Each structure stands twice: as structure tokens, then as C-alpha cells.
Amino acid sequence: AGAVEVFDVYSTDDLQGFLKAKSAEGWEVVGTVSRPKDVED
């Protein structure tokens, strides 16, 4: 509905490295899952 025209979208080539860096900065990283039994650890 035009949101992409006024809302910047960023990209990363190294998602795991990006998330690890943000965790080290004190951010909480939460994933999402539709079937909880599929998640380990």
C-alpha cells in the first residue's frame, strides 16, 4: 500500500553474523516458529 516508498528496507549478506553482532550489543534476538516440535536447542 505504498509503505515501501516511505519506509527504507535494508539488506545483509551475512544474516548469522549480523544477528551475532546485535546480540553482543545487548539486543534480544527472537525467532518465530509455526510448529514448536520442529525446534531444537
PDB file of all heavy atoms in Angstrom:
ATOM      1  N   ALA A   1       0.830  -1.211   0.000  1.00  0.00           N
ATOM      2  CA  ALA A   1       0.000   0.000   0.000  1.00  0.00           C
ATOM      3  C   ALA A   1       0.863   1.260   0.000  1.00  0.00           C
ATOM      4  O   ALA A   1       0.497   2.281   0.567  1.00  0.00           O
ATOM      5  CB  ALA A   1      -0.962   0.008   1.184  1.00  0.00           C
ATOM      6  N   GLY A   2       2.041   1.167  -0.639  1.00  0.00           N
ATOM      7  CA  GLY A   2       2.925   2.318  -0.742  1.00  0.00           C
ATOM      8  C   GLY A   2       3.907   2.464   0.401  1.00  0.00           C
ATOM      9  O   GLY A   2       4.760   3.356   0.368  1.00  0.00           O
ATOM     10  N   ALA A   3       3.826   1.594   1.411  1.00  0.00           N
ATOM     11  CA  ALA A   3       4.732   1.728   2.559  1.00  0.00           C
ATOM     12  C   ALA A   3       6.186   1.633   2.133  1.00  0.00           C
ATOM     13  O   ALA A   3       7.055   2.328   2.677  1.00  0.00           O
ATOM     14  CB  ALA A   3       4.417   0.660   3.617  1.00  0.00           C
ATOM     15  N   VAL A   4       6.474   0.787   1.140  1.00  0.00           N
ATOM     16  CA  VAL A   4       7.856   0.598   0.711  1.00  0.00           C
ATOM     17  C   VAL A   4       8.445   1.882   0.122  1.00  0.00           C
ATOM     18  O   VAL A   4       9.665   2.048   0.082  1.00  0.00           O
ATOM     19  CB  VAL A   4       7.937  -0.571  -0.298  1.00  0.00           C
ATOM     20  CG1 VAL A   4       7.327  -0.194  -1.635  1.00  0.00           C
ATOM     21  CG2 VAL A   4       9.370  -1.019  -0.495  1.00  0.00           C
ATOM     22  N   GLU A   5       7.574   2.802  -0.312  1.00  0.00           N
ATOM     23  CA  GLU A   5       8.054   4.062  -0.873  1.00  0.00           C
ATOM     24  C   GLU A   5       8.527   5.035   0.208  1.00  0.00           C
ATOM     25  O   GLU A   5       9.257   5.983  -0.079  1.00  0.00           O
ATOM     26  CB  GLU A   5       6.951   4.725  -1.708  1.00  0.00           C
ATOM     27  CG  GLU A   5       6.313   3.829  -2.759  1.00  0.00           C
ATOM     28  CD  GLU A   5       7.238   3.487  -3.909  1.00  0.00           C
ATOM     29  OE1 GLU A   5       8.207   4.236  -4.119  1.00  0.00           O
ATOM     30  OE2 GLU A   5       6.997   2.479  -4.597  1.00  0.00           O
ATOM     31  N   VAL A   6       8.083   4.834   1.439  1.00  0.00           N
ATOM     32  CA  VAL A   6       8.418   5.780   2.518  1.00  0.00           C
ATOM     33  C   VAL A   6       9.154   5.108   3.672  1.00  0.00           C
ATOM     34  O   VAL A   6       9.483   5.758   4.666  1.00  0.00           O
ATOM     35  CB  VAL A   6       7.139   6.467   3.061  1.00  0.00           C
ATOM     36  CG1 VAL A   6       6.487   7.299   1.980  1.00  0.00           C
ATOM     37  CG2 VAL A   6       6.145   5.445   3.619  1.00  0.00           C
ATOM     38  N   PHE A   7       9.419   3.822   3.555  1.00  0.00           N
ATOM     39  CA  PHE A   7       9.992   3.039   4.640  1.00  0.00           C
ATOM     40  C   PHE A   7      11.173   2.264   4.075  1.00  0.00           C
ATOM     41  O   PHE A   7      10.991   1.324   3.303  1.00  0.00           O
ATOM     42  CB  PHE A   7       8.917   2.092   5.188  1.00  0.00           C
ATOM     43  CG  PHE A   7       9.260   1.391   6.465  1.00  0.00           C
ATOM     44  CD1 PHE A   7       9.905   2.039   7.503  1.00  0.00           C
ATOM     45  CD2 PHE A   7       8.886   0.066   6.649  1.00  0.00           C
ATOM     46  CE1 PHE A   7      10.191   1.387   8.686  1.00  0.00           C
ATOM     47  CE2 PHE A   7       9.162  -0.595   7.842  1.00  0.00           C
ATOM     48  CZ  PHE A   7       9.819   0.067   8.855  1.00  0.00           C
ATOM     49  N   ASP A   8      12.398   2.659   4.426  1.00  0.00           N
ATOM     50  CA  ASP A   8      13.585   2.007   3.884  1.00  0.00           C
ATOM     51  C   ASP A   8      13.666   0.540   4.298  1.00  0.00           C
ATOM     52  O   ASP A   8      13.331   0.188   5.434  1.00  0.00           O
ATOM     53  CB  ASP A   8      14.850   2.722   4.348  1.00  0.00           C
ATOM     54  CG  ASP A   8      15.019   4.082   3.696  1.00  0.00           C
ATOM     55  OD1 ASP A   8      14.438   4.301   2.622  1.00  0.00           O
ATOM     56  OD2 ASP A   8      15.729   4.928   4.278  1.00  0.00           O
ATOM     57  N   VAL A   9      14.102  -0.295   3.365  1.00  0.00           N
ATOM     58  CA  VAL A   9      14.328  -1.711   3.643  1.00  0.00           C
ATOM     59  C   VAL A   9      15.813  -1.993   3.431  1.00  0.00           C
ATOM     60  O   VAL A   9      16.361  -1.710   2.364  1.00  0.00           O
ATOM     61  CB  VAL A   9      13.484  -2.619   2.730  1.00  0.00           C
ATOM     62  CG1 VAL A   9      13.646  -4.082   3.130  1.00  0.00           C
ATOM     63  CG2 VAL A   9      12.019  -2.212   2.779  1.00  0.00           C
ATOM     64  N   TYR A  10      16.462  -2.548   4.444  1.00  0.00           N
ATOM     65  CA  TYR A  10      17.903  -2.801   4.403  1.00  0.00           C
ATOM     66  C   TYR A  10      18.147  -4.274   4.077  1.00  0.00           C
ATOM     67  O   TYR A  10      17.247  -5.114   4.196  1.00  0.00           O
ATOM     68  CB  TYR A  10      18.536  -2.429   5.742  1.00  0.00           C
ATOM     69  CG  TYR A  10      18.442  -0.952   6.041  1.00  0.00           C
ATOM     70  CD1 TYR A  10      17.295  -0.407   6.617  1.00  0.00           C
ATOM     71  CD2 TYR A  10      19.488  -0.088   5.723  1.00  0.00           C
ATOM     72  CE1 TYR A  10      17.192   0.956   6.862  1.00  0.00           C
ATOM     73  CE2 TYR A  10      19.399   1.270   5.976  1.00  0.00           C
ATOM     74  CZ  TYR A  10      18.248   1.784   6.546  1.00  0.00           C
ATOM     75  OH  TYR A  10      18.137   3.133   6.788  1.00  0.00           O
ATOM     76  N   SER A  11      19.371  -4.582   3.679  1.00  0.00           N
ATOM     77  CA  SER A  11      19.695  -5.977   3.368  1.00  0.00           C
ATOM     78  C   SER A  11      21.045  -6.333   3.956  1.00  0.00           C
ATOM     79  O   SER A  11      21.880  -5.470   4.239  1.00  0.00           O
ATOM     80  CB  SER A  11      19.701  -6.206   1.850  1.00  0.00           C
ATOM     81  OG  SER A  11      20.781  -5.530   1.246  1.00  0.00           O
ATOM     82  N   THR A  12      21.238  -7.639   4.143  1.00  0.00           N
ATOM     83  CA  THR A  12      22.507  -8.152   4.647  1.00  0.00           C
ATOM     84  C   THR A  12      22.890  -9.399   3.871  1.00  0.00           C
ATOM     85  O   THR A  12      22.028 -10.194   3.481  1.00  0.00           O
ATOM     86  CB  THR A  12      22.423  -8.472   6.151  1.00  0.00           C
ATOM     87  OG1 THR A  12      23.666  -9.023   6.581  1.00  0.00           O
ATOM     88  CG2 THR A  12      21.315  -9.473   6.457  1.00  0.00           C
ATOM     89  N   ASP A  13      24.191  -9.551   3.652  1.00  0.00           N
ATOM     90  CA  ASP A  13      24.717 -10.766   3.014  1.00  0.00           C
ATOM     91  C   ASP A  13      25.131 -11.806   4.039  1.00  0.00           C
ATOM     92  O   ASP A  13      25.455 -12.939   3.678  1.00  0.00           O
ATOM     93  CB  ASP A  13      25.932 -10.420   2.142  1.00  0.00           C
ATOM     94  CG  ASP A  13      25.548  -9.581   0.930  1.00  0.00           C
ATOM     95  OD1 ASP A  13      24.529  -9.900   0.295  1.00  0.00           O
ATOM     96  OD2 ASP A  13      26.267  -8.618   0.624  1.00  0.00           O
ATOM     97  N   ASP A  14      25.157 -11.431   5.310  1.00  0.00           N
ATOM     98  CA  ASP A  14      25.626 -12.333   6.367  1.00  0.00           C
ATOM     99  C   ASP A  14      24.659 -12.242   7.542  1.00  0.00           C
ATOM    100  O   ASP A  14      24.918 -11.548   8.524  1.00  0.00           O
ATOM    101  CB  ASP A  14      27.048 -11.942   6.794  1.00  0.00           C
ATOM    102  CG  ASP A  14      27.609 -12.841   7.893  1.00  0.00           C
ATOM    103  OD1 ASP A  14      26.997 -13.895   8.178  1.00  0.00           O
ATOM    104  OD2 ASP A  14      28.643 -12.471   8.483  1.00  0.00           O
ATOM    105  N   LEU A  15      23.533 -12.936   7.432  1.00  0.00           N
ATOM    106  CA  LEU A  15      22.494 -12.822   8.452  1.00  0.00           C
ATOM    107  C   LEU A  15      22.978 -13.316   9.809  1.00  0.00           C
ATOM    108  O   LEU A  15      22.773 -12.646  10.823  1.00  0.00           O
ATOM    109  CB  LEU A  15      21.251 -13.610   8.021  1.00  0.00           C
ATOM    110  CG  LEU A  15      20.099 -13.618   9.034  1.00  0.00           C
ATOM    111  CD1 LEU A  15      19.659 -12.205   9.374  1.00  0.00           C
ATOM    112  CD2 LEU A  15      18.934 -14.445   8.517  1.00  0.00           C
ATOM    113  N   GLN A  16      23.631 -14.471   9.849  1.00  0.00           N
ATOM    114  CA  GLN A  16      24.067 -15.004  11.137  1.00  0.00           C
ATOM    115  C   GLN A  16      25.079 -14.071  11.805  1.00  0.00           C
ATOM    116  O   GLN A  16      25.019 -13.835  13.006  1.00  0.00           O
ATOM    117  CB  GLN A  16      24.659 -16.404  10.971  1.00  0.00           C
ATOM    118  CG  GLN A  16      23.628 -17.493  10.720  1.00  0.00           C
ATOM    119  CD  GLN A  16      23.137 -17.522   9.293  1.00  0.00           C
ATOM    120  OE1 GLN A  16      23.933 -17.378   8.369  1.00  0.00           O
ATOM    121  NE2 GLN A  16      21.850 -17.706   9.089  1.00  0.00           N
ATOM    122  N   GLY A  17      26.011 -13.525  11.023  1.00  0.00           N
ATOM    123  CA  GLY A  17      26.982 -12.589  11.575  1.00  0.00           C
ATOM    124  C   GLY A  17      26.315 -11.323  12.091  1.00  0.00           C
ATOM    125  O   GLY A  17      26.693 -10.791  13.145  1.00  0.00           O
ATOM    126  N   PHE A  18      25.321 -10.840  11.365  1.00  0.00           N
ATOM    127  CA  PHE A  18      24.576  -9.648  11.775  1.00  0.00           C
ATOM    128  C   PHE A  18      23.859  -9.893  13.107  1.00  0.00           C
ATOM    129  O   PHE A  18      23.927  -9.077  14.031  1.00  0.00           O
ATOM    130  CB  PHE A  18      23.577  -9.271  10.679  1.00  0.00           C
ATOM    131  CG  PHE A  18      22.527  -8.285  11.106  1.00  0.00           C
ATOM    132  CD1 PHE A  18      22.848  -6.947  11.325  1.00  0.00           C
ATOM    133  CD2 PHE A  18      21.212  -8.693  11.281  1.00  0.00           C
ATOM    134  CE1 PHE A  18      21.874  -6.038  11.710  1.00  0.00           C
ATOM    135  CE2 PHE A  18      20.237  -7.796  11.670  1.00  0.00           C
ATOM    136  CZ  PHE A  18      20.561  -6.464  11.882  1.00  0.00           C
ATOM    137  N   LEU A  19      23.175 -11.033  13.216  1.00  0.00           N
ATOM    138  CA  LEU A  19      22.444 -11.342  14.449  1.00  0.00           C
ATOM    139  C   LEU A  19      23.395 -11.543  15.625  1.00  0.00           C
ATOM    140  O   LEU A  19      23.107 -11.104  16.745  1.00  0.00           O
ATOM    141  CB  LEU A  19      21.578 -12.587  14.247  1.00  0.00           C
ATOM    142  CG  LEU A  19      20.448 -12.462  13.215  1.00  0.00           C
ATOM    143  CD1 LEU A  19      19.730 -13.788  13.058  1.00  0.00           C
ATOM    144  CD2 LEU A  19      19.471 -11.359  13.590  1.00  0.00           C
ATOM    145  N   LYS A  20      24.530 -12.187  15.377  1.00  0.00           N
ATOM    146  CA  LYS A  20      25.516 -12.392  16.446  1.00  0.00           C
ATOM    147  C   LYS A  20      26.034 -11.044  16.946  1.00  0.00           C
ATOM    148  O   LYS A  20      26.180 -10.836  18.162  1.00  0.00           O
ATOM    149  CB  LYS A  20      26.663 -13.257  15.924  1.00  0.00           C
ATOM    150  CG  LYS A  20      27.710 -13.596  16.985  1.00  0.00           C
ATOM    151  CD  LYS A  20      28.800 -14.495  16.421  1.00  0.00           C
ATOM    152  CE  LYS A  20      28.250 -15.872  16.087  1.00  0.00           C
ATOM    153  NZ  LYS A  20      29.333 -16.826  15.681  1.00  0.00           N
ATOM    154  N   ALA A  21      26.291 -10.111  16.027  1.00  0.00           N
ATOM    155  CA  ALA A  21      26.796  -8.791  16.414  1.00  0.00           C
ATOM    156  C   ALA A  21      25.757  -8.032  17.229  1.00  0.00           C
ATOM    157  O   ALA A  21      26.090  -7.380  18.233  1.00  0.00           O
ATOM    158  CB  ALA A  21      27.185  -7.995  15.172  1.00  0.00           C
ATOM    159  N   LYS A  22      24.486  -8.117  16.835  1.00  0.00           N
ATOM    160  CA  LYS A  22      23.446  -7.397  17.582  1.00  0.00           C
ATOM    161  C   LYS A  22      23.252  -8.009  18.972  1.00  0.00           C
ATOM    162  O   LYS A  22      23.018  -7.289  19.950  1.00  0.00           O
ATOM    163  CB  LYS A  22      22.127  -7.406  16.810  1.00  0.00           C
ATOM    164  CG  LYS A  22      22.154  -6.723  15.454  1.00  0.00           C
ATOM    165  CD  LYS A  22      22.740  -5.332  15.500  1.00  0.00           C
ATOM    166  CE  LYS A  22      21.827  -4.315  16.159  1.00  0.00           C
ATOM    167  NZ  LYS A  22      22.396  -2.946  16.112  1.00  0.00           N
ATOM    168  N   SER A  23      23.360  -9.327  19.079  1.00  0.00           N
ATOM    169  CA  SER A  23      23.277  -9.976  20.393  1.00  0.00           C
ATOM    170  C   SER A  23      24.391  -9.471  21.304  1.00  0.00           C
ATOM    171  O   SER A  23      24.175  -9.191  22.493  1.00  0.00           O
ATOM    172  CB  SER A  23      23.360 -11.494  20.255  1.00  0.00           C
ATOM    173  OG  SER A  23      22.233 -12.014  19.592  1.00  0.00           O
ATOM    174  N   ALA A  24      25.598  -9.336  20.743  1.00  0.00           N
ATOM    175  CA  ALA A  24      26.737  -8.858  21.523  1.00  0.00           C
ATOM    176  C   ALA A  24      26.536  -7.419  21.979  1.00  0.00           C
ATOM    177  O   ALA A  24      27.086  -6.997  23.000  1.00  0.00           O
ATOM    178  CB  ALA A  24      28.015  -8.978  20.700  1.00  0.00           C
ATOM    179  N   GLU A  25      25.726  -6.654  21.238  1.00  0.00           N
ATOM    180  CA  GLU A  25      25.428  -5.270  21.611  1.00  0.00           C
ATOM    181  C   GLU A  25      24.316  -5.175  22.659  1.00  0.00           C
ATOM    182  O   GLU A  25      23.963  -4.083  23.086  1.00  0.00           O
ATOM    183  CB  GLU A  25      25.014  -4.473  20.369  1.00  0.00           C
ATOM    184  CG  GLU A  25      26.130  -4.262  19.359  1.00  0.00           C
ATOM    185  CD  GLU A  25      25.631  -3.600  18.090  1.00  0.00           C
ATOM    186  OE1 GLU A  25      24.498  -3.059  18.096  1.00  0.00           O
ATOM    187  OE2 GLU A  25      26.359  -3.623  17.085  1.00  0.00           O
ATOM    188  N   GLY A  26      23.738  -6.319  23.046  1.00  0.00           N
ATOM    189  CA  GLY A  26      22.699  -6.308  24.062  1.00  0.00           C
ATOM    190  C   GLY A  26      21.284  -6.448  23.548  1.00  0.00           C
ATOM    191  O   GLY A  26      20.319  -6.340  24.320  1.00  0.00           O
ATOM    192  N   TRP A  27      21.124  -6.688  22.253  1.00  0.00           N
ATOM    193  CA  TRP A  27      19.786  -6.895  21.701  1.00  0.00           C
ATOM    194  C   TRP A  27      19.323  -8.321  21.983  1.00  0.00           C
ATOM    195  O   TRP A  27      20.134  -9.250  22.050  1.00  0.00           O
ATOM    196  CB  TRP A  27      19.796  -6.674  20.195  1.00  0.00           C
ATOM    197  CG  TRP A  27      19.963  -5.239  19.774  1.00  0.00           C
ATOM    198  CD1 TRP A  27      21.035  -4.439  20.014  1.00  0.00           C
ATOM    199  CD2 TRP A  27      19.032  -4.459  19.028  1.00  0.00           C
ATOM    200  NE1 TRP A  27      20.838  -3.204  19.466  1.00  0.00           N
ATOM    201  CE2 TRP A  27      19.622  -3.183  18.849  1.00  0.00           C
ATOM    202  CE3 TRP A  27      17.779  -4.703  18.478  1.00  0.00           C
ATOM    203  CZ2 TRP A  27      18.979  -2.158  18.152  1.00  0.00           C
ATOM    204  CZ3 TRP A  27      17.137  -3.684  17.781  1.00  0.00           C
ATOM    205  CH2 TRP A  27      17.720  -2.437  17.626  1.00  0.00           C
ATOM    206  N   GLU A  28      18.021  -8.481  22.130  1.00  0.00           N
ATOM    207  CA  GLU A  28      17.439  -9.827  22.208  1.00  0.00           C
ATOM    208  C   GLU A  28      16.996 -10.228  20.812  1.00  0.00           C
ATOM    209  O   GLU A  28      16.257  -9.492  20.147  1.00  0.00           O
ATOM    210  CB  GLU A  28      16.257  -9.869  23.173  1.00  0.00           C
ATOM    211  CG  GLU A  28      15.673 -11.265  23.293  1.00  0.00           C
ATOM    212  CD  GLU A  28      14.781 -11.440  24.503  1.00  0.00           C
ATOM    213  OE1 GLU A  28      14.412 -10.431  25.124  1.00  0.00           O
ATOM    214  OE2 GLU A  28      14.452 -12.601  24.818  1.00  0.00           O
ATOM    215  N   VAL A  29      17.448 -11.394  20.367  1.00  0.00           N
ATOM    216  CA  VAL A  29      17.088 -11.913  19.053  1.00  0.00           C
ATOM    217  C   VAL A  29      16.090 -13.041  19.251  1.00  0.00           C
ATOM    218  O   VAL A  29      16.400 -14.051  19.891  1.00  0.00           O
ATOM    219  CB  VAL A  29      18.327 -12.413  18.289  1.00  0.00           C
ATOM    220  CG1 VAL A  29      17.924 -12.989  16.936  1.00  0.00           C
ATOM    221  CG2 VAL A  29      19.331 -11.279  18.105  1.00  0.00           C
ATOM    222  N   VAL A  30      14.878 -12.855  18.729  1.00  0.00           N
ATOM    223  CA  VAL A  30      13.841 -13.885  18.879  1.00  0.00           C
ATOM    224  C   VAL A  30      13.410 -14.350  17.494  1.00  0.00           C
ATOM    225  O   VAL A  30      13.164 -13.544  16.595  1.00  0.00           O
ATOM    226  CB  VAL A  30      12.628 -13.374  19.690  1.00  0.00           C
ATOM    227  CG1 VAL A  30      13.027 -13.071  21.110  1.00  0.00           C
ATOM    228  CG2 VAL A  30      11.994 -12.151  19.058  1.00  0.00           C
ATOM    229  N   GLY A  31      13.366 -15.652  17.332  1.00  0.00           N
ATOM    230  CA  GLY A  31      12.895 -16.231  16.091  1.00  0.00           C
ATOM    231  C   GLY A  31      11.408 -16.521  16.172  1.00  0.00           C
ATOM    232  O   GLY A  31      10.759 -16.298  17.192  1.00  0.00           O
ATOM    233  N   THR A  32      10.870 -17.018  15.093  1.00  0.00           N
ATOM    234  CA  THR A  32       9.453 -17.358  15.035  1.00  0.00           C
ATOM    235  C   THR A  32       9.313 -18.756  14.459  1.00  0.00           C
ATOM    236  O   THR A  32      10.070 -19.157  13.572  1.00  0.00           O
ATOM    237  CB  THR A  32       8.690 -16.360  14.156  1.00  0.00           C
ATOM    238  OG1 THR A  32       9.327 -16.266  12.875  1.00  0.00           O
ATOM    239  CG2 THR A  32       8.686 -14.981  14.797  1.00  0.00           C
ATOM    240  N   VAL A  33       8.331 -19.477  14.968  1.00  0.00           N
ATOM    241  CA  VAL A  33       8.151 -20.861  14.554  1.00  0.00           C
ATOM    242  C   VAL A  33       6.666 -21.194  14.550  1.00  0.00           C
ATOM    243  O   VAL A  33       5.923 -20.762  15.435  1.00  0.00           O
ATOM    244  CB  VAL A  33       8.921 -21.819  15.490  1.00  0.00           C
ATOM    245  CG1 VAL A  33       8.439 -21.718  16.920  1.00  0.00           C
ATOM    246  CG2 VAL A  33       8.859 -23.246  14.995  1.00  0.00           C
ATOM    247  N   SER A  34       6.219 -21.934  13.540  1.00  0.00           N
ATOM    248  CA  SER A  34       4.812 -22.323  13.482  1.00  0.00           C
ATOM    249  C   SER A  34       4.584 -23.679  14.122  1.00  0.00           C
ATOM    250  O   SER A  34       3.491 -23.966  14.616  1.00  0.00           O
ATOM    251  CB  SER A  34       4.327 -22.339  12.023  1.00  0.00           C
ATOM    252  OG  SER A  34       5.098 -23.238  11.243  1.00  0.00           O
ATOM    253  N   ARG A  35       5.630 -24.520  14.124  1.00  0.00           N
ATOM    254  CA  ARG A  35       5.495 -25.859  14.713  1.00  0.00           C
ATOM    255  C   ARG A  35       6.579 -26.024  15.779  1.00  0.00           C
ATOM    256  O   ARG A  35       7.726 -26.370  15.460  1.00  0.00           O
ATOM    257  CB  ARG A  35       5.647 -26.932  13.629  1.00  0.00           C
ATOM    258  CG  ARG A  35       4.658 -26.784  12.480  1.00  0.00           C
ATOM    259  CD  ARG A  35       4.948 -27.768  11.359  1.00  0.00           C
ATOM    260  NE  ARG A  35       4.085 -27.558  10.217  1.00  0.00           N
ATOM    261  CZ  ARG A  35       4.339 -26.707   9.230  1.00  0.00           C
ATOM    262  NH1 ARG A  35       5.471 -26.001   9.252  1.00  0.00           N
ATOM    263  NH2 ARG A  35       3.499 -26.578   8.225  1.00  0.00           N
ATOM    264  N   PRO A  36       6.257 -25.783  17.056  1.00  0.00           N
ATOM    265  CA  PRO A  36       7.280 -25.811  18.118  1.00  0.00           C
ATOM    266  C   PRO A  36       8.075 -27.103  18.176  1.00  0.00           C
ATOM    267  O   PRO A  36       9.250 -27.094  18.551  1.00  0.00           O
ATOM    268  CB  PRO A  36       6.458 -25.594  19.389  1.00  0.00           C
ATOM    269  CG  PRO A  36       5.261 -24.815  18.937  1.00  0.00           C
ATOM    270  CD  PRO A  36       4.942 -25.346  17.558  1.00  0.00           C
ATOM    271  N   LYS A  37       7.482 -28.220  17.778  1.00  0.00           N
ATOM    272  CA  LYS A  37       8.205 -29.501  17.855  1.00  0.00           C
ATOM    273  C   LYS A  37       9.376 -29.571  16.878  1.00  0.00           C
ATOM    274  O   LYS A  37      10.252 -30.434  17.007  1.00  0.00           O
ATOM    275  CB  LYS A  37       7.243 -30.658  17.590  1.00  0.00           C
ATOM    276  CG  LYS A  37       6.644 -30.686  16.196  1.00  0.00           C
ATOM    277  CD  LYS A  37       5.707 -31.866  16.028  1.00  0.00           C
ATOM    278  CE  LYS A  37       5.103 -31.931  14.627  1.00  0.00           C
ATOM    279  NZ  LYS A  37       4.232 -30.785  14.321  1.00  0.00           N
ATOM    280  N   ASP A  38       9.392 -28.637  15.891  1.00  0.00           N
ATOM    281  CA  ASP A  38      10.477 -28.649  14.904  1.00  0.00           C
ATOM    282  C   ASP A  38      11.735 -27.949  15.400  1.00  0.00           C
ATOM    283  O   ASP A  38      12.745 -27.934  14.700  1.00  0.00           O
ATOM    284  CB  ASP A  38      10.020 -27.962  13.606  1.00  0.00           C
ATOM    285  CG  ASP A  38       8.923 -28.748  12.897  1.00  0.00           C
ATOM    286  OD1 ASP A  38       8.734 -29.930  13.247  1.00  0.00           O
ATOM    287  OD2 ASP A  38       8.263 -28.184  12.012  1.00  0.00           O
ATOM    288  N   VAL A  39      11.692 -27.346  16.588  1.00  0.00           N
ATOM    289  CA  VAL A  39      12.810 -26.541  17.080  1.00  0.00           C
ATOM    290  C   VAL A  39      13.626 -27.343  18.079  1.00  0.00           C
ATOM    291  O   VAL A  39      13.083 -28.001  18.966  1.00  0.00           O
ATOM    292  CB  VAL A  39      12.297 -25.245  17.753  1.00  0.00           C
ATOM    293  CG1 VAL A  39      13.454 -24.423  18.293  1.00  0.00           C
ATOM    294  CG2 VAL A  39      11.493 -24.433  16.755  1.00  0.00           C
ATOM    295  N   GLU A  40      14.951 -27.265  17.935  1.00  0.00           N
ATOM    296  CA  GLU A  40      15.847 -27.935  18.875  1.00  0.00           C
ATOM    297  C   GLU A  40      16.793 -26.908  19.495  1.00  0.00           C
ATOM    298  O   GLU A  40      17.246 -25.979  18.819  1.00  0.00           O
ATOM    299  CB  GLU A  40      16.670 -29.013  18.159  1.00  0.00           C
ATOM    300  CG  GLU A  40      15.816 -30.134  17.558  1.00  0.00           C
ATOM    301  CD  GLU A  40      16.672 -31.180  16.876  1.00  0.00           C
ATOM    302  OE1 GLU A  40      17.907 -31.127  17.036  1.00  0.00           O
ATOM    303  OE2 GLU A  40      16.113 -32.042  16.178  1.00  0.00           O
ATOM    304  N   ASP A  41      17.081 -27.078  20.778  1.00  0.00           N
ATOM    305  CA  ASP A  41      18.123 -26.319  21.484  1.00  0.00           C
ATOM    306  C   ASP A  41      17.795 -24.845  21.709  1.00  0.00           C
ATOM    307  O   ASP A  41      18.631 -24.103  22.219  1.00  0.00           O
ATOM    308  CB  ASP A  41      19.473 -26.413  20.747  1.00  0.00           C
ATOM    309  CG  ASP A  41      19.951 -27.854  20.605  1.00  0.00           C
ATOM    310  OD1 ASP A  41      19.704 -28.637  21.538  1.00  0.00           O
ATOM    311  OD2 ASP A  41      20.540 -28.182  19.575  1.00  0.00           O
TER     312      ASP A  41
END
